Amino acid sequence: MHRIDIQTNTRLFQSLFHYLLDDVVLNQTRLNKIPVQAPRDIYLLLSRFLPFYNSADRMESFLKHCPAFPNAFFVGGPSDIIVTELTDQLLKLKVEPVLLHYLSQIKILQGMELRMTTSTRLKSCLYSFTCPGCPVYPTRAVRHAAWHALDLLFPVGQYPRHLISLFFRLLYPWYWPSSCWNFAISCMKAIFCSLLRLIFSSWKKVIKPKQP
């Protein structure tokens, strides 16, 4: 059902999501009344949609109510489980507005202690969205959002990453015209905004009444 919302960028099942989150997963009394496997399946399902339904404020409670998983020794703790599910979800997203929303909400993962394998997998996933072409063919907006998310979650090494990315872009001359055009547009926008700020600040000084 939630896949319908993902594919159409709607929130038809948001009430169902919040019911499962607030009245089932975060309600220990109800959890004790259902089979052992059910809380695990619900937890994995909700982990994929926390950013989509803007539930970042529930993350701390959600982590504390993580059920016991039999393969926790191999998978990791609650943070690793959530990040693994979100990484899988990101790789499956095909609708650009939904993907942009996920990337903008990925900040909820900031500060989590992750295993090296989980961290590397998330980093690789985000990096795949920064590269034009295969395998995901991201748009320019998605690439910029992915770079922002990558730099936010993994600030160490962000400058070498950008330099390496620039080097590989230079290996593909057919990307040069679009890159130069976008760079020129960005520069013109920056200059235009600076001129507007200068004009408005000068105008305020002119119309500001002089104190006697």
C-alpha atoms as a PDB file:
ATOM      1  CA  MET A   1       0.000   0.000   0.000  1.00  0.00           C
ATOM      2  CA  HIS A   2       2.799   2.396   0.860  1.00  0.00           C
ATOM      3  CA  ARG A   3       4.297   1.681  -2.552  1.00  0.00           C
ATOM      4  CA  ILE A   4       1.295   3.425  -4.085  1.00  0.00           C
ATOM      5  CA  ASP A   5       2.237   6.594  -2.211  1.00  0.00           C
ATOM      6  CA  ILE A   6       5.849   6.213  -3.307  1.00  0.00           C
ATOM      7  CA  GLN A   7       4.978   5.750  -6.965  1.00  0.00           C
ATOM      8  CA  THR A   8       2.429   8.567  -7.068  1.00  0.00           C
ATOM      9  CA  ASN A   9       4.063  10.955  -4.566  1.00  0.00           C
ATOM     10  CA  THR A  10       0.914  11.108  -2.454  1.00  0.00           C
ATOM     11  CA  ARG A  11       0.147  10.553   1.239  1.00  0.00           C
ATOM     12  CA  LEU A  12      -2.935   8.347   1.000  1.00  0.00           C
ATOM     13  CA  PHE A  13      -1.668   5.878   3.602  1.00  0.00           C
ATOM     14  CA  GLN A  14      -0.059   8.351   5.972  1.00  0.00           C
ATOM     15  CA  SER A  15      -2.707   7.722   8.634  1.00  0.00           C
ATOM     16  CA  LEU A  16      -2.033   3.979   8.421  1.00  0.00           C
ATOM     17  CA  PHE A  17       1.686   4.607   8.773  1.00  0.00           C
ATOM     18  CA  HIS A  18       1.195   6.740  11.883  1.00  0.00           C
ATOM     19  CA  TYR A  19      -1.153   4.145  13.359  1.00  0.00           C
ATOM     20  CA  LEU A  20       1.440   1.402  12.931  1.00  0.00           C
ATOM     21  CA  LEU A  21       4.143   3.666  14.298  1.00  0.00           C
ATOM     22  CA  ASP A  22       2.409   5.278  17.272  1.00  0.00           C
ATOM     23  CA  ASP A  23      -0.148   2.650  18.262  1.00  0.00           C
ATOM     24  CA  VAL A  24       1.754  -0.532  17.468  1.00  0.00           C
ATOM     25  CA  VAL A  25       5.542  -0.191  17.347  1.00  0.00           C
ATOM     26  CA  LEU A  26       5.778   2.474  20.055  1.00  0.00           C
ATOM     27  CA  ASN A  27       3.125   0.785  22.202  1.00  0.00           C
ATOM     28  CA  GLN A  28       4.754  -2.023  24.138  1.00  0.00           C
ATOM     29  CA  THR A  29       1.425  -3.326  25.446  1.00  0.00           C
ATOM     30  CA  ARG A  30       0.126  -4.010  21.949  1.00  0.00           C
ATOM     31  CA  LEU A  31       3.434  -5.401  20.790  1.00  0.00           C
ATOM     32  CA  ASN A  32       3.262  -8.079  23.462  1.00  0.00           C
ATOM     33  CA  LYS A  33      -0.099  -9.263  22.115  1.00  0.00           C
ATOM     34  CA  ILE A  34       1.013 -10.047  18.566  1.00  0.00           C
ATOM     35  CA  PRO A  35       3.286 -12.839  17.252  1.00  0.00           C
ATOM     36  CA  VAL A  36       7.024 -12.370  17.621  1.00  0.00           C
ATOM     37  CA  GLN A  37       7.752 -12.073  13.894  1.00  0.00           C
ATOM     38  CA  ALA A  38       5.095  -9.414  13.267  1.00  0.00           C
ATOM     39  CA  PRO A  39       6.862  -6.568  15.150  1.00  0.00           C
ATOM     40  CA  ARG A  40      10.052  -7.283  13.199  1.00  0.00           C
ATOM     41  CA  ASP A  41       8.280  -7.116   9.854  1.00  0.00           C
ATOM     42  CA  ILE A  42       6.437  -3.933  10.819  1.00  0.00           C
ATOM     43  CA  TYR A  43       9.655  -2.363  12.078  1.00  0.00           C
ATOM     44  CA  LEU A  44      11.459  -3.084   8.816  1.00  0.00           C
ATOM     45  CA  LEU A  45       8.528  -1.734   6.829  1.00  0.00           C
ATOM     46  CA  LEU A  46       8.285   1.503   8.792  1.00  0.00           C
ATOM     47  CA  SER A  47      12.051   2.018   8.604  1.00  0.00           C
ATOM     48  CA  ARG A  48      11.718   2.497   4.864  1.00  0.00           C
ATOM     49  CA  PHE A  49       9.067   5.198   5.110  1.00  0.00           C
ATOM     50  CA  LEU A  50      10.154   7.333   8.066  1.00  0.00           C
ATOM     51  CA  PRO A  51      11.609  10.076   5.830  1.00  0.00           C
ATOM     52  CA  PHE A  52       8.720   9.933   3.380  1.00  0.00           C
ATOM     53  CA  TYR A  53       6.081  10.630   6.027  1.00  0.00           C
ATOM     54  CA  ASN A  54       8.197  13.273   7.801  1.00  0.00           C
ATOM     55  CA  SER A  55       8.583  11.341  11.044  1.00  0.00           C
ATOM     56  CA  ALA A  56      12.078  12.467  11.974  1.00  0.00           C
ATOM     57  CA  ASP A  57      10.869  13.527  15.420  1.00  0.00           C
ATOM     58  CA  ARG A  58       9.986   9.889  16.183  1.00  0.00           C
ATOM     59  CA  MET A  59      13.434   8.550  15.322  1.00  0.00           C
ATOM     60  CA  GLU A  60      14.768   8.435  18.883  1.00  0.00           C
ATOM     61  CA  SER A  61      11.732   6.549  20.189  1.00  0.00           C
ATOM     62  CA  PHE A  62      11.746   4.342  17.113  1.00  0.00           C
ATOM     63  CA  LEU A  63      15.340   3.316  17.791  1.00  0.00           C
ATOM     64  CA  LYS A  64      14.567   2.495  21.421  1.00  0.00           C
ATOM     65  CA  HIS A  65      11.643   0.242  20.477  1.00  0.00           C
ATOM     66  CA  CYS A  66      13.574  -1.875  18.017  1.00  0.00           C
ATOM     67  CA  PRO A  67      12.550  -5.535  18.472  1.00  0.00           C
ATOM     68  CA  ALA A  68      15.111  -8.283  18.890  1.00  0.00           C
ATOM     69  CA  PHE A  69      16.326  -9.731  15.598  1.00  0.00           C
ATOM     70  CA  PRO A  70      17.840 -13.226  15.498  1.00  0.00           C
ATOM     71  CA  ASN A  71      20.522 -12.073  13.024  1.00  0.00           C
ATOM     72  CA  ALA A  72      21.431  -8.923  14.969  1.00  0.00           C
ATOM     73  CA  PHE A  73      24.991 -10.194  15.421  1.00  0.00           C
ATOM     74  CA  PHE A  74      25.508 -10.028  11.653  1.00  0.00           C
ATOM     75  CA  VAL A  75      23.243  -7.097  10.788  1.00  0.00           C
ATOM     76  CA  GLY A  76      24.041  -4.771  13.679  1.00  0.00           C
ATOM     77  CA  GLY A  77      22.003  -2.658  16.047  1.00  0.00           C
ATOM     78  CA  PRO A  78      18.828  -0.629  15.462  1.00  0.00           C
ATOM     79  CA  SER A  79      20.701   2.128  13.630  1.00  0.00           C
ATOM     80  CA  ASP A  80      22.234  -0.360  11.211  1.00  0.00           C
ATOM     81  CA  ILE A  81      18.863  -1.976  10.575  1.00  0.00           C
ATOM     82  CA  ILE A  82      17.179   1.348   9.793  1.00  0.00           C
ATOM     83  CA  VAL A  83      20.005   2.563   7.559  1.00  0.00           C
ATOM     84  CA  THR A  84      20.105  -0.744   5.688  1.00  0.00           C
ATOM     85  CA  GLU A  85      16.384  -0.565   4.977  1.00  0.00           C
ATOM     86  CA  LEU A  86      16.597   3.083   3.919  1.00  0.00           C
ATOM     87  CA  THR A  87      19.518   2.324   1.622  1.00  0.00           C
ATOM     88  CA  ASP A  88      17.535  -0.423  -0.083  1.00  0.00           C
ATOM     89  CA  GLN A  89      14.590   1.930  -0.394  1.00  0.00           C
ATOM     90  CA  LEU A  90      16.673   4.693  -1.964  1.00  0.00           C
ATOM     91  CA  LEU A  91      18.007   2.354  -4.619  1.00  0.00           C
ATOM     92  CA  LYS A  92      14.454   1.388  -5.602  1.00  0.00           C
ATOM     93  CA  LEU A  93      13.053   4.907  -5.925  1.00  0.00           C
ATOM     94  CA  LYS A  94      12.271   6.001  -9.476  1.00  0.00           C
ATOM     95  CA  VAL A  95      10.035   9.048  -8.934  1.00  0.00           C
ATOM     96  CA  GLU A  96      12.201  12.168  -8.836  1.00  0.00           C
ATOM     97  CA  PRO A  97      10.134  14.267  -6.350  1.00  0.00           C
ATOM     98  CA  VAL A  98      10.039  11.332  -3.935  1.00  0.00           C
ATOM     99  CA  LEU A  99      13.760  10.731  -4.289  1.00  0.00           C
ATOM    100  CA  LEU A 100      14.480  14.416  -3.691  1.00  0.00           C
ATOM    101  CA  HIS A 101      12.283  14.330  -0.599  1.00  0.00           C
ATOM    102  CA  TYR A 102      14.136  11.308   0.757  1.00  0.00           C
ATOM    103  CA  LEU A 103      17.497  12.943   0.136  1.00  0.00           C
ATOM    104  CA  SER A 104      16.367  16.124   1.876  1.00  0.00           C
ATOM    105  CA  GLN A 105      15.174  14.132   4.904  1.00  0.00           C
ATOM    106  CA  ILE A 106      18.241  11.888   5.090  1.00  0.00           C
ATOM    107  CA  LYS A 107      19.648  14.247   7.725  1.00  0.00           C
ATOM    108  CA  ILE A 108      17.745  12.199  10.315  1.00  0.00           C
ATOM    109  CA  LEU A 109      20.597   9.688  10.055  1.00  0.00           C
ATOM    110  CA  GLN A 110      23.194  12.253  11.080  1.00  0.00           C
ATOM    111  CA  GLY A 111      25.132  11.261  14.178  1.00  0.00           C
ATOM    112  CA  MET A 112      24.155   7.591  14.136  1.00  0.00           C
ATOM    113  CA  GLU A 113      26.821   5.086  15.082  1.00  0.00           C
ATOM    114  CA  LEU A 114      26.992   2.566  12.261  1.00  0.00           C
ATOM    115  CA  ARG A 115      29.027  -0.451  11.391  1.00  0.00           C
ATOM    116  CA  MET A 116      31.649   0.028   8.728  1.00  0.00           C
ATOM    117  CA  THR A 117      29.737  -2.145   6.263  1.00  0.00           C
ATOM    118  CA  THR A 118      26.491  -0.228   6.811  1.00  0.00           C
ATOM    119  CA  SER A 119      28.216   3.135   6.528  1.00  0.00           C
ATOM    120  CA  THR A 120      30.053   2.117   3.359  1.00  0.00           C
ATOM    121  CA  ARG A 121      26.869   0.819   1.758  1.00  0.00           C
ATOM    122  CA  LEU A 122      25.003   4.047   2.469  1.00  0.00           C
ATOM    123  CA  LYS A 123      27.918   6.110   1.186  1.00  0.00           C
ATOM    124  CA  SER A 124      28.080   4.067  -2.013  1.00  0.00           C
ATOM    125  CA  CYS A 125      24.338   4.442  -2.498  1.00  0.00           C
ATOM    126  CA  LEU A 126      24.460   8.222  -2.162  1.00  0.00           C
ATOM    127  CA  TYR A 127      27.534   8.455  -4.348  1.00  0.00           C
ATOM    128  CA  SER A 128      25.759   6.555  -7.123  1.00  0.00           C
ATOM    129  CA  PHE A 129      23.207   9.381  -7.253  1.00  0.00           C
ATOM    130  CA  THR A 130      25.941  11.990  -7.718  1.00  0.00           C
ATOM    131  CA  CYS A 131      27.213  10.510 -10.967  1.00  0.00           C
ATOM    132  CA  PRO A 132      25.447  11.212 -14.267  1.00  0.00           C
ATOM    133  CA  GLY A 133      24.590   8.261 -16.422  1.00  0.00           C
ATOM    134  CA  CYS A 134      24.305   4.635 -15.427  1.00  0.00           C
ATOM    135  CA  PRO A 135      23.310   2.864 -13.304  1.00  0.00           C
ATOM    136  CA  VAL A 136      20.647   5.251 -11.935  1.00  0.00           C
ATOM    137  CA  TYR A 137      20.740   8.139 -14.467  1.00  0.00           C
ATOM    138  CA  PRO A 138      19.973  10.856 -11.881  1.00  0.00           C
ATOM    139  CA  THR A 139      18.831  14.312 -12.880  1.00  0.00           C
ATOM    140  CA  ARG A 140      20.875  17.387 -12.028  1.00  0.00           C
ATOM    141  CA  ALA A 141      18.589  18.186  -9.077  1.00  0.00           C
ATOM    142  CA  VAL A 142      19.035  14.674  -7.704  1.00  0.00           C
ATOM    143  CA  ARG A 143      22.808  14.865  -8.118  1.00  0.00           C
ATOM    144  CA  HIS A 144      22.995  18.106  -6.161  1.00  0.00           C
ATOM    145  CA  ALA A 145      20.709  16.756  -3.432  1.00  0.00           C
ATOM    146  CA  ALA A 146      22.802  13.596  -3.203  1.00  0.00           C
ATOM    147  CA  TRP A 147      26.015  15.622  -2.902  1.00  0.00           C
ATOM    148  CA  HIS A 148      24.450  17.678  -0.122  1.00  0.00           C
ATOM    149  CA  ALA A 149      23.311  14.558   1.735  1.00  0.00           C
ATOM    150  CA  LEU A 150      26.684  12.891   1.247  1.00  0.00           C
ATOM    151  CA  ASP A 151      28.604  15.901   2.560  1.00  0.00           C
ATOM    152  CA  LEU A 152      26.205  16.244   5.485  1.00  0.00           C
ATOM    153  CA  LEU A 153      26.419  12.627   6.633  1.00  0.00           C
ATOM    154  CA  PHE A 154      30.078  12.075   5.734  1.00  0.00           C
ATOM    155  CA  PRO A 155      31.885  15.416   6.068  1.00  0.00           C
ATOM    156  CA  VAL A 156      35.293  13.761   6.283  1.00  0.00           C
ATOM    157  CA  GLY A 157      36.781  13.567   2.814  1.00  0.00           C
ATOM    158  CA  GLN A 158      34.188  15.704   1.054  1.00  0.00           C
ATOM    159  CA  TYR A 159      36.749  17.834  -0.809  1.00  0.00           C
ATOM    160  CA  PRO A 160      38.691  14.855  -2.209  1.00  0.00           C
ATOM    161  CA  ARG A 161      35.352  13.339  -3.269  1.00  0.00           C
ATOM    162  CA  HIS A 162      34.443  16.454  -5.227  1.00  0.00           C
ATOM    163  CA  LEU A 163      37.883  16.612  -6.841  1.00  0.00           C
ATOM    164  CA  ILE A 164      37.702  12.969  -7.877  1.00  0.00           C
ATOM    165  CA  SER A 165      34.214  13.515  -9.263  1.00  0.00           C
ATOM    166  CA  LEU A 166      35.417  16.540 -11.228  1.00  0.00           C
ATOM    167  CA  PHE A 167      38.327  14.535 -12.630  1.00  0.00           C
ATOM    168  CA  PHE A 168      36.022  11.793 -13.869  1.00  0.00           C
ATOM    169  CA  ARG A 169      33.654  14.363 -15.364  1.00  0.00           C
ATOM    170  CA  LEU A 170      36.565  15.677 -17.418  1.00  0.00           C
ATOM    171  CA  LEU A 171      36.968  12.222 -18.938  1.00  0.00           C
ATOM    172  CA  TYR A 172      33.558  12.560 -20.596  1.00  0.00           C
ATOM    173  CA  PRO A 173      33.680  15.552 -22.996  1.00  0.00           C
ATOM    174  CA  TRP A 174      29.996  15.245 -23.899  1.00  0.00           C
ATOM    175  CA  TYR A 175      29.161  16.498 -20.397  1.00  0.00           C
ATOM    176  CA  TRP A 176      31.279  19.639 -20.756  1.00  0.00           C
ATOM    177  CA  PRO A 177      28.722  21.849 -22.560  1.00  0.00           C
ATOM    178  CA  SER A 178      25.971  21.214 -20.023  1.00  0.00           C
ATOM    179  CA  SER A 179      28.384  21.633 -17.110  1.00  0.00           C
ATOM    180  CA  CYS A 180      29.707  24.921 -18.491  1.00  0.00           C
ATOM    181  CA  TRP A 181      26.192  26.151 -19.169  1.00  0.00           C
ATOM    182  CA  ASN A 182      24.984  25.300 -15.654  1.00  0.00           C
ATOM    183  CA  PHE A 183      28.090  26.904 -14.171  1.00  0.00           C
ATOM    184  CA  ALA A 184      27.487  30.084 -16.179  1.00  0.00           C
ATOM    185  CA  ILE A 185      23.836  30.188 -15.114  1.00  0.00           C
ATOM    186  CA  SER A 186      24.811  29.733 -11.464  1.00  0.00           C
ATOM    187  CA  CYS A 187      27.363  32.542 -11.720  1.00  0.00           C
ATOM    188  CA  MET A 188      24.845  34.882 -13.330  1.00  0.00           C
ATOM    189  CA  LYS A 189      22.286  34.103 -10.636  1.00  0.00           C
ATOM    190  CA  ALA A 190      24.850  34.774  -7.918  1.00  0.00           C
ATOM    191  CA  ILE A 191      25.873  38.080  -9.529  1.00  0.00           C
ATOM    192  CA  PHE A 192      22.244  39.104  -9.989  1.00  0.00           C
ATOM    193  CA  CYS A 193      21.417  38.351  -6.347  1.00  0.00           C
ATOM    194  CA  SER A 194      24.480  40.291  -5.199  1.00  0.00           C
ATOM    195  CA  LEU A 195      23.444  43.287  -7.296  1.00  0.00           C
ATOM    196  CA  LEU A 196      19.928  43.166  -5.889  1.00  0.00           C
ATOM    197  CA  ARG A 197      21.243  43.099  -2.333  1.00  0.00           C
ATOM    198  CA  LEU A 198      23.552  46.017  -3.114  1.00  0.00           C
ATOM    199  CA  ILE A 199      20.718  48.026  -4.673  1.00  0.00           C
ATOM    200  CA  PHE A 200      18.338  47.378  -1.778  1.00  0.00           C
ATOM    201  CA  SER A 201      20.961  48.211   0.833  1.00  0.00           C
ATOM    202  CA  SER A 202      21.822  51.451  -1.000  1.00  0.00           C
ATOM    203  CA  TRP A 203      18.152  52.329  -1.347  1.00  0.00           C
ATOM    204  CA  LYS A 204      17.573  51.830   2.376  1.00  0.00           C
ATOM    205  CA  LYS A 205      20.409  54.208   3.141  1.00  0.00           C
ATOM    206  CA  VAL A 206      18.930  56.819   0.794  1.00  0.00           C
ATOM    207  CA  ILE A 207      15.387  56.711   2.157  1.00  0.00           C
ATOM    208  CA  LYS A 208      16.458  56.368   5.786  1.00  0.00           C
ATOM    209  CA  PRO A 209      15.558  59.636   7.523  1.00  0.00           C
ATOM    210  CA  LYS A 210      18.466  61.543   8.899  1.00  0.00           C
ATOM    211  CA  GLN A 211      18.476  62.023  12.636  1.00  0.00           C
ATOM    212  CA  PRO A 212      18.706  65.657  13.771  1.00  0.00           C
END
